[in-house]
Amino acid sequence: MYPELDKCPRSLLVCEKSNFEHEKSRHDTHVSKHYFNHKVSVVIPGCGALSSRLATVINNFSKYFLVKNVPVYEFLDKDFLKNVVWNGALYALSYKTSIDQDNTIALLPSGQLILSVDKDTYEKLGLEGKPSQYNHRQPMRYGCSAVVTIDLTDKSMAPEGKRYQRVLSSLKERVPLKSDFLLGRHNSETQGADGDRALQSLLSRYQWKEHRPVVSSHTLKDLPCPSLNALDLRGDQRSCDPHSFLEWLGAVSAGVSCDNTAASFLSTYVCPEPQTLVSQALHCTVSGLLLPEDIYSLLQELQRFFDEPKITSWLSLTVHGFMDSPVSWGDAEHGFHKGGENFYNLVLFKNQDYWLHMGTGSHDRCPP
């Protein structure tokens, strides 16, 4: 009846509540499977500065690398496969590639190599794939794009094997795909010196630069905050609804005033009801290539925030994934569509209850 409605951005928001101490709580899975994150935002009402423990956790976030013009076949190097990929905890994402226009590549810590490619590239590669579920792409990719998933940990991908040689030939001779990459690796005692050596060997062959996550923290004064009740996730009685709460978080992150003063000509936005005015609130952001292991360490420290009496009854952790990542959670295909939604938010309460909001595009697979 109203065809113009099809042009409106659509998104999917999944909401659930649980308790961190519940045996069936899946918060760890939700965090660990959201592989490619570029921004973390923490909002703590009634708090003026980061505690020393929180600051230590944030400052210990892993470094990452921006490596220029890397051929994809480098990830199949025998030494790199054995000592880096097969040991897990390596994250690689093509840099400044648009998922709806360009060939986009990701290497997951599970060892899966994801190639989201256009029709011509797919046909030349000669590798098995599946049609992309996104048929809205630019004419270059319209209706013909494909996703090729190669499990580098599979026995058939052992070096010198027939499938390994076929894949290597496709990526090295048929279509020598190249891209700038963001590379991150979580360090653990199980990876050893061989993994560091193999990674440094790769870096030495290309132009690269080491980066550390950028941290920004400031105190907000006289901030209207929504009043939240752990039992009222839907906002039927004593809390605001999830969409209104996330909109408020977005306004806080963007520095938008929430009091709708008569002197303001920029915004008429107001904090949703019910609300409470707090004298101060902490807003801390971390940006870069942020690994799930580091985010989980931050979440664990935030869980301990309420070990001592606090003014506030809740705090918020929001994690934004890369809009142009070819995956959202796990190996679920992600597309930009019209907004690129790819995030999750955790609201932590004093009694260890939590709310979880997960947002994706309407064409993405439902979050786990």
Protein backbone atom coordinates (compact mmCIF):
# COMPACT_ATOMS: atom_id res chain seq x y z
CA MET A 1 0.00 0.00 0.00
CA TYR A 2 2.86 2.33 0.86
CA PRO A 3 5.86 1.31 -1.28
CA GLU A 4 7.93 4.16 0.15
CA LEU A 5 8.04 2.25 3.43
CA ASP A 6 10.34 -0.28 1.77
CA LYS A 7 12.90 2.47 1.42
CA CYS A 8 13.04 3.10 5.15
CA PRO A 9 15.99 1.67 7.10
CA ARG A 10 15.01 -1.50 8.95
CA SER A 11 16.85 -3.15 11.81
CA LEU A 12 16.49 -6.07 14.17
CA LEU A 13 16.76 -5.62 17.94
CA VAL A 14 16.83 -8.72 20.15
CA CYS A 15 16.39 -8.18 23.91
CA GLU A 16 16.75 -10.60 26.79
CA LYS A 17 17.44 -10.57 30.52
CA SER A 18 19.28 -12.99 32.76
CA ASN A 19 21.69 -13.14 35.67
CA PHE A 20 25.47 -13.49 35.41
CA GLU A 21 25.42 -16.25 38.02
CA HIS A 22 22.72 -18.28 36.27
CA GLU A 23 24.08 -21.56 34.93
CA LYS A 24 22.40 -21.01 31.54
CA SER A 25 23.53 -17.42 31.11
CA ARG A 26 25.07 -16.99 27.66
CA HIS A 27 26.70 -13.58 28.13
CA ASP A 28 30.16 -15.05 27.59
CA THR A 29 29.11 -16.57 24.26
CA HIS A 30 27.55 -13.33 23.05
CA VAL A 31 30.75 -11.44 23.82
CA SER A 32 33.25 -14.01 22.55
CA LYS A 33 31.45 -14.63 19.23
CA HIS A 34 31.19 -10.95 18.26
CA TYR A 35 34.59 -10.96 16.64
CA PHE A 36 35.18 -7.55 15.02
CA ASN A 37 34.59 -4.58 17.32
CA HIS A 38 35.65 -1.00 16.77
CA LYS A 39 34.19 0.88 19.74
CA VAL A 40 33.28 0.23 23.36
CA SER A 41 31.30 2.74 25.40
CA VAL A 42 30.77 2.63 29.17
CA VAL A 43 28.23 4.86 30.96
CA ILE A 44 28.12 4.85 34.77
CA PRO A 45 25.62 7.24 36.42
CA GLY A 46 26.80 8.78 39.69
CA CYS A 47 30.48 8.12 38.92
CA GLY A 48 33.00 10.88 38.24
CA ALA A 49 36.14 9.00 37.15
CA LEU A 50 37.46 5.57 36.22
CA SER A 51 38.57 3.46 39.15
CA SER A 52 42.19 2.35 39.09
CA ARG A 53 41.10 -1.23 38.42
CA LEU A 54 38.92 -0.27 35.48
CA ALA A 55 41.65 1.96 34.09
CA THR A 56 44.15 -0.90 34.32
CA VAL A 57 41.86 -3.28 32.41
CA ILE A 58 41.21 -0.73 29.66
CA ASN A 59 44.86 0.26 29.34
CA ASN A 60 45.76 -3.42 28.91
CA PHE A 61 43.62 -3.83 25.78
CA SER A 62 45.62 -5.59 23.06
CA LYS A 63 47.58 -3.69 20.45
CA TYR A 64 46.77 -4.27 16.79
CA PHE A 65 48.37 -3.69 13.40
CA LEU A 66 47.41 -1.99 10.15
CA VAL A 67 49.18 -3.85 7.36
CA LYS A 68 49.19 -2.50 3.81
CA ASN A 69 48.40 -4.35 0.59
CA VAL A 70 48.54 -7.93 1.87
CA PRO A 71 47.69 -10.76 -0.57
CA VAL A 72 45.08 -13.07 0.93
CA TYR A 73 47.18 -16.13 0.10
CA GLU A 74 49.64 -15.03 2.82
CA PHE A 75 47.20 -16.43 5.37
CA LEU A 76 47.83 -19.87 3.81
CA ASP A 77 51.58 -19.70 4.36
CA LYS A 78 52.56 -23.01 5.98
CA ASP A 79 54.45 -21.45 8.87
CA PHE A 80 51.68 -18.90 9.47
CA LEU A 81 48.99 -21.59 9.39
CA LYS A 82 50.78 -23.84 11.85
CA ASN A 83 51.91 -21.29 14.40
CA VAL A 84 49.26 -18.55 14.18
CA VAL A 85 46.00 -19.62 12.54
CA TRP A 86 45.79 -23.10 14.03
CA ASN A 87 46.54 -21.76 17.50
CA GLY A 88 43.51 -19.48 17.32
CA ALA A 89 42.96 -15.94 18.63
CA LEU A 90 43.98 -14.21 15.36
CA TYR A 91 41.62 -11.59 13.98
CA ALA A 92 42.03 -10.11 10.50
CA LEU A 93 39.63 -7.75 8.72
CA SER A 94 40.05 -5.95 5.41
CA TYR A 95 40.39 -2.23 6.04
CA LYS A 96 38.26 0.48 4.41
CA THR A 97 36.35 -1.96 2.23
CA SER A 98 32.61 -1.39 1.84
CA ILE A 99 30.67 -4.61 2.24
CA ASP A 100 28.01 -3.51 -0.28
CA GLN A 101 30.50 -2.40 -2.96
CA ASP A 102 33.92 -4.04 -2.50
CA ASN A 103 35.39 -7.48 -1.97
CA THR A 104 35.59 -7.85 1.81
CA ILE A 105 37.72 -10.38 3.68
CA ALA A 106 37.90 -11.59 7.25
CA LEU A 107 39.91 -14.27 9.04
CA LEU A 108 38.12 -15.45 12.18
CA PRO A 109 39.90 -16.73 15.30
CA SER A 110 38.16 -20.05 14.64
CA GLY A 111 40.33 -20.38 11.52
CA GLN A 112 37.60 -19.62 8.97
CA LEU A 113 38.57 -17.40 6.06
CA ILE A 114 35.56 -15.43 4.81
CA LEU A 115 35.56 -13.97 1.31
CA SER A 116 32.55 -11.77 0.46
CA VAL A 117 33.07 -11.13 -3.24
CA ASP A 118 31.37 -9.84 -6.38
CA LYS A 119 30.21 -12.00 -9.30
CA ASP A 120 33.33 -11.65 -11.45
CA THR A 121 35.70 -12.46 -8.58
CA TYR A 122 33.62 -15.46 -7.51
CA GLU A 123 33.54 -16.93 -11.00
CA LYS A 124 37.28 -16.49 -11.49
CA LEU A 125 38.15 -18.00 -8.09
CA GLY A 126 36.52 -21.30 -8.92
CA LEU A 127 35.88 -22.03 -5.23
CA GLU A 128 32.63 -23.28 -3.76
CA GLY A 129 30.50 -20.62 -2.09
CA LYS A 130 26.92 -19.58 -1.52
CA PRO A 131 24.88 -16.63 -2.78
CA SER A 132 24.90 -13.61 -0.51
CA GLN A 133 21.57 -12.96 1.18
CA TYR A 134 21.98 -9.27 0.37
CA ASN A 135 20.41 -8.55 -3.02
CA HIS A 136 20.31 -4.79 -2.45
CA ARG A 137 23.94 -4.16 -3.31
CA GLN A 138 25.31 -1.77 -5.88
CA PRO A 139 24.83 -2.80 -9.54
CA MET A 140 28.36 -4.24 -9.58
CA ARG A 141 27.25 -6.87 -7.07
CA TYR A 142 23.49 -6.88 -7.50
CA GLY A 143 22.03 -10.33 -7.16
CA CYS A 144 25.32 -12.01 -8.00
CA SER A 145 27.56 -11.59 -4.96
CA ALA A 146 28.71 -14.64 -3.05
CA VAL A 147 30.32 -15.66 0.22
CA VAL A 148 33.15 -18.19 0.18
CA THR A 149 34.03 -19.75 3.54
CA ILE A 150 37.28 -21.72 3.83
CA ASP A 151 37.95 -23.56 7.09
CA LEU A 152 41.72 -23.38 7.38
CA THR A 153 41.67 -25.81 10.32
CA ASP A 154 39.97 -28.58 8.34
CA LYS A 155 42.07 -31.68 7.63
CA SER A 156 41.58 -31.15 3.90
CA MET A 157 43.48 -27.85 4.23
CA ALA A 158 46.67 -29.52 5.44
CA PRO A 159 49.61 -28.21 3.38
CA GLU A 160 50.47 -30.35 0.35
CA GLY A 161 46.91 -31.68 0.26
CA LYS A 162 44.88 -31.37 -2.95
CA ARG A 163 42.32 -28.92 -1.56
CA TYR A 164 45.01 -26.78 0.01
CA GLN A 165 46.82 -26.57 -3.31
CA ARG A 166 43.61 -25.74 -5.13
CA VAL A 167 42.71 -22.91 -2.76
CA LEU A 168 46.27 -21.58 -2.80
CA SER A 169 46.29 -21.61 -6.60
CA SER A 170 42.96 -19.77 -6.73
CA LEU A 171 44.14 -17.01 -4.38
CA LYS A 172 47.64 -16.75 -5.79
CA GLU A 173 47.20 -17.25 -9.52
CA ARG A 174 43.57 -17.01 -10.56
CA VAL A 175 42.54 -14.01 -8.43
CA PRO A 176 45.38 -12.55 -6.33
CA LEU A 177 43.11 -10.70 -3.92
CA LYS A 178 44.89 -7.98 -1.93
CA SER A 179 43.77 -5.58 0.76
CA ASP A 180 44.93 -3.49 3.67
CA PHE A 181 44.21 -5.44 6.85
CA LEU A 182 43.63 -4.79 10.50
CA LEU A 183 45.32 -7.62 12.42
CA GLY A 184 44.86 -8.39 16.08
CA ARG A 185 46.07 -11.30 18.17
CA HIS A 186 45.21 -12.12 21.73
CA ASN A 187 48.32 -13.17 23.59
CA SER A 188 48.13 -16.24 25.78
CA GLU A 189 50.60 -18.63 27.30
CA THR A 190 49.52 -21.39 24.88
CA GLN A 191 50.63 -19.54 21.75
CA GLY A 192 54.34 -19.32 22.50
CA ALA A 193 57.23 -17.67 20.73
CA ASP A 194 56.64 -19.46 17.40
CA GLY A 195 53.36 -17.60 16.93
CA ASP A 196 55.03 -14.25 17.58
CA ARG A 197 57.82 -15.11 15.17
CA ALA A 198 55.43 -16.19 12.39
CA LEU A 199 53.37 -13.02 12.79
CA GLN A 200 56.45 -10.82 12.74
CA SER A 201 57.64 -12.65 9.64
CA LEU A 202 54.40 -11.71 7.86
CA LEU A 203 54.63 -8.09 9.01
CA SER A 204 58.23 -7.80 7.85
CA ARG A 205 57.19 -8.40 4.23
CA TYR A 206 54.79 -5.45 4.10
CA GLN A 207 54.35 -1.90 5.26
CA TRP A 208 52.74 -1.93 8.67
CA LYS A 209 52.10 0.19 11.72
CA GLU A 210 51.32 -0.78 15.30
CA HIS A 211 48.35 0.85 17.00
CA ARG A 212 46.90 0.88 20.46
CA PRO A 213 43.23 1.46 21.26
CA VAL A 214 42.33 5.10 21.84
CA VAL A 215 40.74 5.83 25.22
CA SER A 216 38.57 8.86 25.94
CA SER A 217 36.92 9.55 29.29
CA HIS A 218 34.94 12.53 30.54
CA THR A 219 32.47 13.41 33.26
CA LEU A 220 28.96 14.58 32.41
CA LYS A 221 27.34 17.01 34.84
CA ASP A 222 23.67 17.19 35.83
CA LEU A 223 22.62 14.42 33.47
CA PRO A 224 18.99 13.22 33.25
CA CYS A 225 19.14 9.39 33.32
CA PRO A 226 16.39 6.86 32.70
CA SER A 227 15.19 5.00 35.77
CA LEU A 228 15.62 1.28 35.13
CA ASN A 229 14.20 -1.73 36.92
CA ALA A 230 15.90 -5.07 36.35
CA LEU A 231 12.56 -6.91 36.22
CA ASP A 232 10.99 -4.61 33.62
CA LEU A 233 12.93 -5.22 30.41
CA ARG A 234 10.07 -4.23 28.12
CA GLY A 235 9.43 -0.95 29.92
CA ASP A 236 5.80 -1.77 30.68
CA GLN A 237 5.72 -0.23 34.14
CA ARG A 238 8.83 1.01 35.94
CA SER A 239 11.41 1.41 33.16
CA CYS A 240 11.71 2.97 29.73
CA ASP A 241 11.46 0.61 26.77
CA PRO A 242 14.64 -0.76 25.07
CA HIS A 243 14.43 1.47 21.99
CA SER A 244 14.07 4.61 24.11
CA PHE A 245 16.96 3.57 26.35
CA LEU A 246 19.28 2.91 23.40
CA GLU A 247 18.25 6.22 21.86
CA TRP A 248 19.21 7.94 25.11
CA LEU A 249 22.59 6.17 25.13
CA GLY A 250 23.15 7.37 21.56
CA ALA A 251 22.35 10.92 22.55
CA VAL A 252 24.79 10.74 25.47
CA SER A 253 27.54 9.32 23.24
CA ALA A 254 26.93 12.03 20.62
CA GLY A 255 26.95 14.80 23.19
CA VAL A 256 23.32 15.71 22.53
CA SER A 257 21.62 17.63 25.34
CA CYS A 258 18.79 15.65 26.95
CA ASP A 259 16.98 18.48 28.74
CA ASN A 260 15.26 20.23 25.76
CA THR A 261 15.92 23.72 27.07
CA ALA A 262 14.12 26.65 25.48
CA ALA A 263 17.48 28.15 24.43
CA SER A 264 18.46 25.10 22.39
CA PHE A 265 17.94 25.32 18.64
CA LEU A 266 19.82 22.09 17.88
CA SER A 267 17.75 19.42 19.60
CA THR A 268 14.35 18.92 21.18
CA TYR A 269 15.32 15.51 22.55
CA VAL A 270 14.41 14.73 26.15
CA CYS A 271 15.42 11.84 28.39
CA PRO A 272 12.68 9.18 28.49
CA GLU A 273 10.47 8.78 31.54
CA PRO A 274 10.76 7.75 34.28
CA GLN A 275 14.01 9.60 34.82
CA THR A 276 16.39 10.74 37.56
CA LEU A 277 18.76 13.69 37.52
CA VAL A 278 22.28 12.66 38.57
CA SER A 279 24.91 15.21 39.53
CA GLN A 280 27.56 13.43 37.47
CA ALA A 281 28.06 10.43 35.19
CA LEU A 282 31.11 8.83 33.63
CA HIS A 283 31.28 8.30 29.88
CA CYS A 284 34.31 6.32 28.70
CA THR A 285 34.98 5.13 25.15
CA VAL A 286 37.65 2.87 23.68
CA SER A 287 38.12 2.66 19.91
CA GLY A 288 40.28 0.60 17.56
CA LEU A 289 40.32 -3.09 16.69
CA LEU A 290 39.00 -4.38 20.02
CA LEU A 291 39.26 -8.09 20.74
CA PRO A 292 36.45 -10.03 22.46
CA GLU A 293 38.87 -11.35 25.09
CA ASP A 294 39.65 -7.79 26.21
CA ILE A 295 36.00 -6.79 26.19
CA TYR A 296 35.15 -9.80 28.33
CA SER A 297 37.84 -8.79 30.84
CA LEU A 298 36.23 -5.33 30.98
CA LEU A 299 32.81 -6.89 31.50
CA GLN A 300 34.12 -8.99 34.39
CA GLU A 301 35.57 -5.89 36.05
CA LEU A 302 32.30 -4.02 35.58
CA GLN A 303 30.49 -6.91 37.28
CA ARG A 304 32.67 -6.24 40.33
CA PHE A 305 31.73 -2.55 40.31
CA PHE A 306 28.82 -3.17 42.66
CA ASP A 307 30.86 -5.13 45.21
CA GLU A 308 31.00 -1.90 47.20
CA PRO A 309 27.94 0.33 47.83
CA LYS A 310 27.24 2.67 44.91
CA ILE A 311 24.77 5.47 44.28
CA THR A 312 23.60 4.08 40.97
CA SER A 313 21.68 0.83 40.56
CA TRP A 314 22.88 0.17 37.00
CA LEU A 315 25.61 0.81 34.44
CA SER A 316 25.86 0.27 30.71
CA LEU A 317 28.39 -1.33 28.33
CA THR A 318 27.86 -0.88 24.58
CA VAL A 319 29.99 -2.62 21.95
CA HIS A 320 29.88 -1.53 18.30
CA GLY A 321 31.01 -3.92 15.59
CA PHE A 322 32.47 -2.76 12.28
CA MET A 323 29.62 -1.80 9.96
CA ASP A 324 31.40 -3.32 6.97
CA SER A 325 32.43 -6.58 8.60
CA PRO A 326 31.29 -9.60 6.52
CA VAL A 327 30.13 -11.32 9.74
CA SER A 328 28.30 -10.24 12.88
CA TRP A 329 28.17 -13.04 15.48
CA GLY A 330 30.23 -16.12 14.67
CA ASP A 331 30.15 -16.75 10.93
CA ALA A 332 26.66 -15.25 10.43
CA GLU A 333 26.70 -13.06 7.32
CA HIS A 334 26.46 -9.33 7.90
CA GLY A 335 25.60 -6.67 5.36
CA PHE A 336 25.44 -2.92 5.47
CA HIS A 337 21.95 -2.77 3.93
CA LYS A 338 20.83 0.74 4.96
CA GLY A 339 22.40 1.25 8.35
CA GLY A 340 25.08 -1.36 9.01
CA GLU A 341 23.71 -2.09 12.50
CA ASN A 342 26.06 -4.45 14.31
CA PHE A 343 26.20 -3.90 18.07
CA TYR A 344 25.22 -5.15 21.49
CA ASN A 345 24.53 -3.48 24.81
CA LEU A 346 24.65 -4.88 28.33
CA VAL A 347 22.95 -3.15 31.26
CA LEU A 348 24.36 -4.43 34.55
CA PHE A 349 22.40 -4.24 37.81
CA LYS A 350 23.46 -4.42 41.47
CA ASN A 351 22.09 -7.93 41.97
CA GLN A 352 24.05 -9.32 38.97
CA ASP A 353 20.96 -9.28 36.75
CA TYR A 354 21.59 -7.93 33.28
CA TRP A 355 19.78 -6.88 30.15
CA LEU A 356 21.21 -7.72 26.76
CA HIS A 357 20.27 -5.77 23.62
CA MET A 358 21.62 -7.02 20.27
CA GLY A 359 21.14 -4.99 17.10
CA THR A 360 21.70 -6.05 13.48
CA GLY A 361 20.32 -5.22 10.06
CA SER A 362 16.98 -6.71 9.08
CA HIS A 363 18.63 -9.14 6.63
CA ASP A 364 21.17 -10.45 9.15
CA ARG A 365 20.64 -13.77 10.85
CA CYS A 366 19.06 -13.41 14.28
CA PRO A 367 21.81 -12.99 16.93
CA PRO A 368 22.59 -16.12 18.95
